[in-house]
Each structure stands twice: as structure tokens, then as C-alpha cells.
């Protein structure tokens, strides 16, 4: 690809249609292919960094070539596309940040139904990420609060942005980025994520991310870049501990795992360790955070059972 003009790329390489005034039709999706360019005091990031600009003009990035190869082989190109969006597309990153670091994306009834009413709740604030209205906390408000996380470490590295630098995400012509048709635009990545089986429905209208599936599909580095500091939940830590200390069936020694869990999530607690373990697991079961689906007696090395019951030295949970 040899061109110094985005318009020429659209016409020559992608056969984009134009209207009667010569303007590109569906130009937003086209400009979403591009990466970052410096203009005066600003860095303009157009999209997902499939096309970048160098000294000789525009060129396809390595990720674009890899996506093409995956598509031609019909070999996981959908996962490759999702990974690229979550690496470089700032608004898609912000959307994923909101879903991953909350209890999930909540629609009034069903997935993608009544988009404007869909929200995530992060740090006690409901953000209506698919709603263009300024009358409610929207995507711009979320990106303003979590600007560094929305930008992500990959752009920071490519653009040589230091950790100490302030990040402000603004529009190209106005102070606030445009939210016109934001619900329509973000439906596309959400549809892709659902196709990849990344969502789990947890009650009417509430869709949570299957974190293990996402981590497997996009890699741990990109996944971890979407976690807010201190957002790792107790159940995430517990899920990591169970395969480390349990058996292949999923049974684990409640005293051992409970003690390690306490050190990770409530190290300052003065509560007796046995009481803490009993309280944590029983409250989790009663609240529906997880279900106790199996238990059995272990060996002396497995320590105390749940509620002091030797028949529950080893337990199995379902999340």
C-alpha cells in the first residue's frame, strides 16, 4: 500500500463509495482502521491501529497483516480482531474496562435492548456507556475519570508517553469527544464479544464477562491492562487459588485456601482465622456468590473443615 492520503486509500484499496459531493460514505468505520498521528499540540488517535503513518506514507501494521493471514486461513481471526480492539481502540477499551471492573453490563431486559438505558456501575457511579446524552454519566465521563487506563499501556509505549504525564482525552474539534451514534458504534464490538462467548447472563439483563475465556482469547497482558488498580475481586483470587491447591476434580482444602485468601484480601483483619474462613465461605454461599456443590473428609494435613466439620475438610464450589 503506497499512499499519503486517507481518501486515496479508501478509494483505491477499499473501493469505498462516495456521495454526490465526493465525500466518503460510512467514513467512520473507515477512519477506525487508522492509528495515531501528531498534529500540532495534539496526538490524534483515530481507531484500532491497523493502518499507521510513517515517513513514506501510510502502511499496514503487523497486526493488520496477521489479521489478514488469520482471516485467509479462517483461523481465529475473530479473536485477533477483538484483541486488537482491546489493545488500541480507546472507546472499546473504556467499554471493556467498565464491564470488567463492575458487576457487568446491565440492560433493562435483554442483550443490546434499549441501549441508552444500559449501564455499568463502577465505584458507586452508574455510567451509561451507550448513551450520548450529557444528562447522565456517559462514556466521556468514564474516560475522563479513567483516562490513562482507557488509553492503555500500548499507546503509551508507542507514543513514548511517560507514566508521570497527565492524559486528557478530548475531541478533534471540540473539547468532548463526539458521542453521536455511540450506541450504534459500540454495538459492533459487543456483538463480536458475544459471538466469542465472552458474556455470561447473570439474571435478567445483566451480562458479566467470562474472564477466563477472555484471558485465554486475548492473552494475559492485554487482559490485565483492562483491570483497574485494586479491582481484582475476592472471587477472582479464589478462582486462581483453587487449581493451585486443589485436585483435578476441583476439591480444595478449605483451611489452606481460606488462610491464603485472607492474607490477600483482608490482611489487616484481627478476626480469628477459623472464624474468618467460616464467615467468608458461608456468607458467599448464602449470598449466591458461589454454591457449595461437594464436600468430603480429607487427611490430617488438610486441617480444619468448614464450620469445624471433618466431613468438609475438602470442598468444591461452583461460581
Protein backbone atom coordinates (compact mmCIF):
# COMPACT_ATOMS: atom_id res chain seq x y z
CA UNK A 1 0.00 0.00 0.00
CA UNK A 2 1.51 3.29 -1.09
CA UNK A 3 -0.39 6.47 -0.32
CA UNK A 4 -0.13 9.69 1.66
CA UNK A 5 -3.88 10.26 1.58
CA UNK A 6 -6.58 8.51 3.59
CA UNK A 7 -9.06 9.41 0.86
CA UNK A 8 -6.92 7.67 -1.76
CA UNK A 9 -6.67 4.57 0.41
CA UNK A 10 -10.44 4.44 0.75
CA UNK A 11 -10.99 4.82 -3.00
CA UNK A 12 -8.06 2.85 -4.39
CA UNK A 13 -7.64 -0.03 -1.98
CA UNK A 14 -11.02 -0.39 -0.30
CA UNK A 15 -13.37 0.79 -3.07
CA UNK A 16 -15.33 2.97 -0.66
CA UNK A 17 -18.39 4.64 -2.19
CA UNK A 18 -18.77 8.41 -2.19
CA UNK A 19 -21.80 10.67 -2.19
CA UNK A 20 -22.65 13.24 -4.87
CA UNK A 21 -20.19 15.68 -3.28
CA UNK A 22 -17.33 13.20 -3.37
CA UNK A 23 -17.39 12.51 0.37
CA UNK A 24 -16.82 9.00 1.66
CA UNK A 25 -19.91 7.08 2.72
CA UNK A 26 -19.67 5.23 6.07
CA UNK A 27 -16.43 7.07 6.73
CA UNK A 28 -16.45 6.46 10.48
CA UNK A 29 -15.80 2.75 10.12
CA UNK A 30 -13.04 3.53 7.62
CA UNK A 31 -11.24 6.03 9.85
CA UNK A 32 -11.48 3.50 12.66
CA UNK A 33 -8.79 1.48 10.86
CA UNK A 34 -6.12 4.12 11.49
CA UNK A 35 -3.79 4.64 14.41
CA UNK A 36 -2.16 7.74 15.87
CA UNK A 37 -0.88 10.91 14.21
CA UNK A 38 0.66 14.00 15.75
CA UNK A 39 -0.91 17.32 14.75
CA UNK A 40 0.38 20.47 16.40
CA UNK A 41 -0.11 20.06 20.16
CA UNK A 42 -2.35 17.02 19.89
CA UNK A 43 -1.98 13.34 19.23
CA UNK A 44 -5.00 12.23 17.22
CA UNK A 45 -5.89 8.56 17.66
CA UNK A 46 -8.47 7.58 15.07
CA UNK A 47 -9.03 3.92 15.76
CA UNK A 48 -7.62 0.42 16.14
CA UNK A 49 -4.17 0.91 14.56
CA UNK A 50 -4.47 -1.35 11.54
CA UNK A 51 -3.07 1.41 9.32
CA UNK A 52 -0.25 3.64 10.52
CA UNK A 53 1.63 6.57 9.05
CA UNK A 54 5.37 6.65 8.54
CA UNK A 55 7.82 8.85 6.67
CA UNK A 56 6.92 7.27 3.34
CA UNK A 57 3.17 7.40 3.88
CA UNK A 58 0.57 5.02 5.25
CA UNK A 59 1.26 1.32 5.74
CA UNK A 60 -0.43 -1.76 7.14
CA UNK A 61 0.71 -2.60 10.66
CA UNK A 62 1.98 -6.05 11.62
CA UNK A 63 -1.30 -6.67 13.41
CA UNK A 64 -3.25 -5.89 10.23
CA UNK A 65 -1.15 -8.38 8.26
CA UNK A 66 -1.62 -11.01 10.96
CA UNK A 67 -5.38 -10.43 10.94
CA UNK A 68 -5.41 -10.82 7.16
CA UNK A 69 -3.49 -14.09 7.40
CA UNK A 70 -5.82 -15.41 10.11
CA UNK A 71 -8.84 -14.48 8.00
CA UNK A 72 -7.46 -16.17 4.89
CA UNK A 73 -6.79 -19.34 6.90
CA UNK A 74 -10.09 -18.98 8.77
CA UNK A 75 -8.01 -19.41 11.90
CA UNK A 76 -9.31 -17.42 14.84
CA UNK A 77 -9.47 -14.07 13.07
CA UNK A 78 -12.39 -13.00 15.28
CA UNK A 79 -10.22 -13.36 18.39
CA UNK A 80 -7.40 -11.48 16.68
CA UNK A 81 -9.79 -8.64 15.83
CA UNK A 82 -11.13 -8.49 19.38
CA UNK A 83 -7.60 -8.43 20.79
CA UNK A 84 -6.65 -5.54 18.51
CA UNK A 85 -9.71 -3.53 19.51
CA UNK A 86 -8.97 -4.05 23.21
CA UNK A 87 -5.35 -3.08 22.69
CA UNK A 88 -5.72 0.13 20.70
CA UNK A 89 -9.36 1.27 20.24
CA UNK A 90 -9.77 3.69 23.14
CA UNK A 91 -13.56 3.68 23.34
CA UNK A 92 -13.73 -0.10 23.11
CA UNK A 93 -11.10 -0.32 25.84
CA UNK A 94 -13.18 2.04 28.00
CA UNK A 95 -16.27 -0.07 27.39
CA UNK A 96 -14.42 -3.24 28.39
CA UNK A 97 -12.92 -1.52 31.43
CA UNK A 98 -16.38 -0.62 32.61
CA UNK A 99 -17.74 -4.14 32.17
CA UNK A 100 -14.73 -5.96 33.61
CA UNK A 101 -14.43 -3.78 36.69
CA UNK A 102 -18.09 -3.87 37.66
CA UNK A 103 -20.74 -6.50 38.21
CA UNK A 104 -21.39 -6.42 34.47
CA UNK A 105 -23.28 -4.55 31.76
CA UNK A 106 -26.91 -4.18 32.75
CA UNK A 107 -29.66 -3.83 30.12
CA UNK A 108 -33.31 -3.21 31.02
CA UNK A 109 -34.32 -6.60 29.60
CA UNK A 110 -32.12 -8.39 27.09
CA UNK A 111 -28.73 -8.02 25.44
CA UNK A 112 -28.43 -4.85 23.30
CA UNK A 113 -32.06 -3.98 24.01
CA UNK A 114 -32.78 -0.34 24.88
CA UNK A 115 -29.10 0.57 24.65
CA UNK A 116 -29.45 4.03 26.14
CA UNK A 117 -30.57 2.54 29.44
CA UNK A 118 -27.65 0.10 29.67
CA UNK A 119 -25.12 0.88 32.38
CA UNK A 120 -22.15 -0.33 34.39
CA UNK A 121 -21.61 0.66 38.00
CA UNK A 122 -18.01 1.44 38.96
CA UNK A 123 -17.05 2.89 42.34
CA UNK A 124 -20.68 3.63 43.12
CA UNK A 125 -21.38 5.56 39.90
CA UNK A 126 -23.63 4.30 37.12
CA UNK A 127 -22.15 5.06 33.71
CA UNK A 128 -24.47 4.82 30.71
CA UNK A 129 -21.76 3.93 28.21
CA UNK A 130 -24.06 3.58 25.19
CA UNK A 131 -25.98 6.79 25.85
CA UNK A 132 -24.95 10.02 24.04
CA UNK A 133 -26.85 12.25 26.48
CA UNK A 134 -24.94 14.55 28.82
CA UNK A 135 -27.80 14.36 31.33
CA UNK A 136 -26.38 11.10 32.70
CA UNK A 137 -22.80 9.95 33.39
CA UNK A 138 -21.74 8.70 29.98
CA UNK A 139 -18.73 7.25 28.16
CA UNK A 140 -16.92 10.60 28.14
CA UNK A 141 -17.33 10.91 31.90
CA UNK A 142 -15.91 7.43 32.32
CA UNK A 143 -12.95 8.14 30.01
CA UNK A 144 -12.26 11.40 31.83
CA UNK A 145 -12.01 9.61 35.17
CA UNK A 146 -10.08 6.64 33.77
CA UNK A 147 -8.14 8.35 31.01
CA UNK A 148 -4.82 6.54 31.49
CA UNK A 149 -6.49 3.16 31.68
CA UNK A 150 -8.63 3.88 28.61
CA UNK A 151 -5.57 4.93 26.62
CA UNK A 152 -3.74 1.84 27.80
CA UNK A 153 -0.07 0.89 28.04
CA UNK A 154 0.35 0.03 24.36
CA UNK A 155 -0.30 3.52 23.03
CA UNK A 156 1.78 4.96 25.86
CA UNK A 157 4.70 2.82 24.77
CA UNK A 158 4.33 3.57 21.05
CA UNK A 159 3.95 7.30 21.65
CA UNK A 160 6.65 7.50 24.33
CA UNK A 161 4.27 8.84 26.97
CA UNK A 162 5.77 8.71 30.44
CA UNK A 163 3.92 7.36 33.45
CA UNK A 164 4.09 10.75 35.12
CA UNK A 165 2.41 12.59 32.24
CA UNK A 166 -1.22 13.65 32.51
CA UNK A 167 -3.57 12.13 29.94
CA UNK A 168 -6.54 14.11 28.66
CA UNK A 169 -8.86 12.57 26.09
CA UNK A 170 -10.57 15.28 24.03
CA UNK A 171 -12.37 15.56 20.71
CA UNK A 172 -10.69 16.50 17.45
CA UNK A 173 -12.78 19.65 17.02
CA UNK A 174 -14.49 20.07 20.40
CA UNK A 175 -13.46 19.65 24.00
CA UNK A 176 -15.50 16.49 24.47
CA UNK A 177 -15.21 13.54 22.06
CA UNK A 178 -18.33 13.15 19.95
CA UNK A 179 -20.87 10.65 21.24
CA UNK A 180 -23.12 10.85 18.21
CA UNK A 181 -24.37 7.34 17.40
CA UNK A 182 -22.17 5.90 20.15
CA UNK A 183 -24.75 3.22 20.94
CA UNK A 184 -24.72 2.04 17.34
CA UNK A 185 -20.93 2.03 17.10
CA UNK A 186 -20.36 0.11 20.32
CA UNK A 187 -22.98 -2.48 19.41
CA UNK A 188 -20.47 -3.87 16.90
CA UNK A 189 -17.70 -4.83 19.35
CA UNK A 190 -20.30 -6.01 21.86
CA UNK A 191 -21.79 -8.28 19.19
CA UNK A 192 -18.31 -9.62 18.45
CA UNK A 193 -17.67 -10.30 22.13
CA UNK A 194 -20.98 -12.14 22.44
CA UNK A 195 -20.15 -14.20 19.36
CA UNK A 196 -16.92 -15.23 21.09
CA UNK A 197 -18.93 -16.41 24.12
CA UNK A 198 -17.38 -13.80 26.38
CA UNK A 199 -20.62 -12.97 28.18
CA UNK A 200 -22.44 -14.85 30.90
CA UNK A 201 -26.01 -13.83 31.65
CA UNK A 202 -26.45 -13.44 35.41
CA UNK A 203 -30.11 -12.67 35.79
CA UNK A 204 -32.42 -10.68 33.55
CA UNK A 205 -30.48 -8.13 31.52
CA UNK A 206 -27.20 -8.47 33.46
CA UNK A 207 -24.23 -9.66 31.42
CA UNK A 208 -20.88 -10.38 33.02
CA UNK A 209 -17.59 -11.11 31.31
CA UNK A 210 -16.28 -14.67 31.34
CA UNK A 211 -12.84 -13.55 32.45
CA UNK A 212 -11.08 -16.86 31.95
CA UNK A 213 -12.38 -17.11 28.37
CA UNK A 214 -11.33 -13.54 27.56
CA UNK A 215 -7.89 -14.04 29.09
CA UNK A 216 -7.47 -17.21 27.02
CA UNK A 217 -8.54 -15.48 23.78
CA UNK A 218 -6.61 -12.20 24.00
CA UNK A 219 -3.70 -13.09 26.29
CA UNK A 220 -2.96 -12.21 29.88
CA UNK A 221 -1.09 -8.95 29.12
CA UNK A 222 -3.96 -7.29 27.26
CA UNK A 223 -6.47 -8.66 29.76
CA UNK A 224 -4.54 -7.30 32.74
CA UNK A 225 -4.28 -3.89 31.06
CA UNK A 226 -8.08 -3.72 31.36
CA UNK A 227 -8.17 -4.17 35.12
CA UNK A 228 -8.38 -1.07 37.27
CA UNK A 229 -5.94 -0.85 40.15
CA UNK A 230 -7.29 -2.74 43.13
CA UNK A 231 -10.23 -4.09 41.15
CA UNK A 232 -9.32 -7.77 41.40
CA UNK A 233 -12.23 -9.28 43.29
CA UNK A 234 -12.01 -11.82 46.07
CA UNK A 235 -13.65 -14.42 43.85
CA UNK A 236 -11.02 -13.84 41.14
CA UNK A 237 -8.29 -14.55 43.68
CA UNK A 238 -10.18 -17.57 45.00
CA UNK A 239 -10.57 -18.94 41.47
CA UNK A 240 -6.80 -18.67 41.00
CA UNK A 241 -6.06 -20.41 44.31
CA UNK A 242 -8.37 -23.40 43.80
CA UNK A 243 -6.44 -25.06 40.92
CA UNK A 244 -3.13 -24.36 42.68
CA UNK A 245 -4.06 -26.10 45.91
CA UNK A 246 -6.96 -28.33 44.89
CA UNK A 247 -7.19 -31.60 43.00
CA UNK A 248 -8.19 -32.27 39.42
CA UNK A 249 -11.84 -32.65 40.48
CA UNK A 250 -11.96 -29.12 41.87
CA UNK A 251 -11.96 -30.08 45.57
CA UNK A 252 -9.67 -27.95 47.73
CA UNK A 253 -8.63 -27.79 51.42
CA UNK A 254 -10.77 -25.02 52.85
CA UNK A 255 -8.39 -24.12 55.69
CA UNK A 256 -5.31 -23.79 53.49
CA UNK A 257 -7.01 -21.85 50.70
CA UNK A 258 -9.03 -19.75 53.15
CA UNK A 259 -5.89 -18.69 55.03
CA UNK A 260 -4.13 -17.60 51.83
CA UNK A 261 -7.25 -15.82 50.63
CA UNK A 262 -7.49 -13.83 53.88
CA UNK A 263 -3.87 -12.69 53.51
CA UNK A 264 -4.71 -11.41 50.03
CA UNK A 265 -7.99 -9.61 50.67
CA UNK A 266 -8.16 -8.78 54.40
CA UNK A 267 -4.62 -8.99 55.81
CA UNK A 268 -5.41 -6.31 58.42
CA UNK A 269 -8.35 -8.26 59.90
CA UNK A 270 -7.82 -9.29 63.55
CA UNK A 271 -10.59 -11.86 63.41
CA UNK A 272 -9.64 -15.43 64.35
CA UNK A 273 -8.62 -17.23 61.15
CA UNK A 274 -11.10 -20.08 61.70
CA UNK A 275 -13.98 -17.66 62.21
CA UNK A 276 -12.91 -15.59 59.22
CA UNK A 277 -12.85 -18.64 56.94
CA UNK A 278 -16.25 -19.85 58.14
CA UNK A 279 -17.76 -16.39 57.79
CA UNK A 280 -16.32 -15.78 54.31
CA UNK A 281 -17.45 -19.06 52.79
CA UNK A 282 -20.85 -19.19 54.50
CA UNK A 283 -21.65 -15.59 53.54
CA UNK A 284 -20.56 -16.34 49.99
CA UNK A 285 -22.83 -19.36 49.83
CA UNK A 286 -25.81 -17.59 51.39
CA UNK A 287 -25.46 -14.53 49.13
CA UNK A 288 -25.22 -16.60 45.96
CA UNK A 289 -21.64 -15.52 45.21
CA UNK A 290 -20.84 -19.23 44.81
CA UNK A 291 -22.52 -22.57 45.57
CA UNK A 292 -21.24 -25.47 47.64
CA UNK A 293 -21.65 -28.44 45.31
CA UNK A 294 -19.49 -31.03 47.04
CA UNK A 295 -17.56 -31.83 50.21
CA UNK A 296 -15.66 -34.74 51.76
CA UNK A 297 -13.25 -35.68 54.51
CA UNK A 298 -9.60 -35.19 53.76
CA UNK A 299 -6.39 -36.06 55.58
CA UNK A 300 -4.88 -34.59 58.77
CA UNK A 301 -2.65 -32.33 56.63
CA UNK A 302 -5.75 -30.69 55.18
CA UNK A 303 -6.55 -29.10 58.54
CA UNK A 304 -9.89 -27.95 59.85
CA UNK A 305 -13.05 -28.39 57.81
CA UNK A 306 -15.67 -25.75 57.08
CA UNK A 307 -17.53 -24.92 60.32
CA UNK A 308 -15.22 -27.39 62.08
CA UNK A 309 -16.81 -30.32 60.24
CA UNK A 310 -14.28 -33.02 59.33
CA UNK A 311 -16.58 -34.10 56.53
CA UNK A 312 -15.92 -30.70 54.93
CA UNK A 313 -12.13 -30.55 55.01
CA UNK A 314 -12.26 -30.57 51.22
CA UNK A 315 -14.99 -28.62 49.46
CA UNK A 316 -15.98 -27.87 45.88
CA UNK A 317 -17.59 -24.62 44.75
CA UNK A 318 -19.46 -23.51 41.65
CA UNK A 319 -19.31 -19.84 40.66
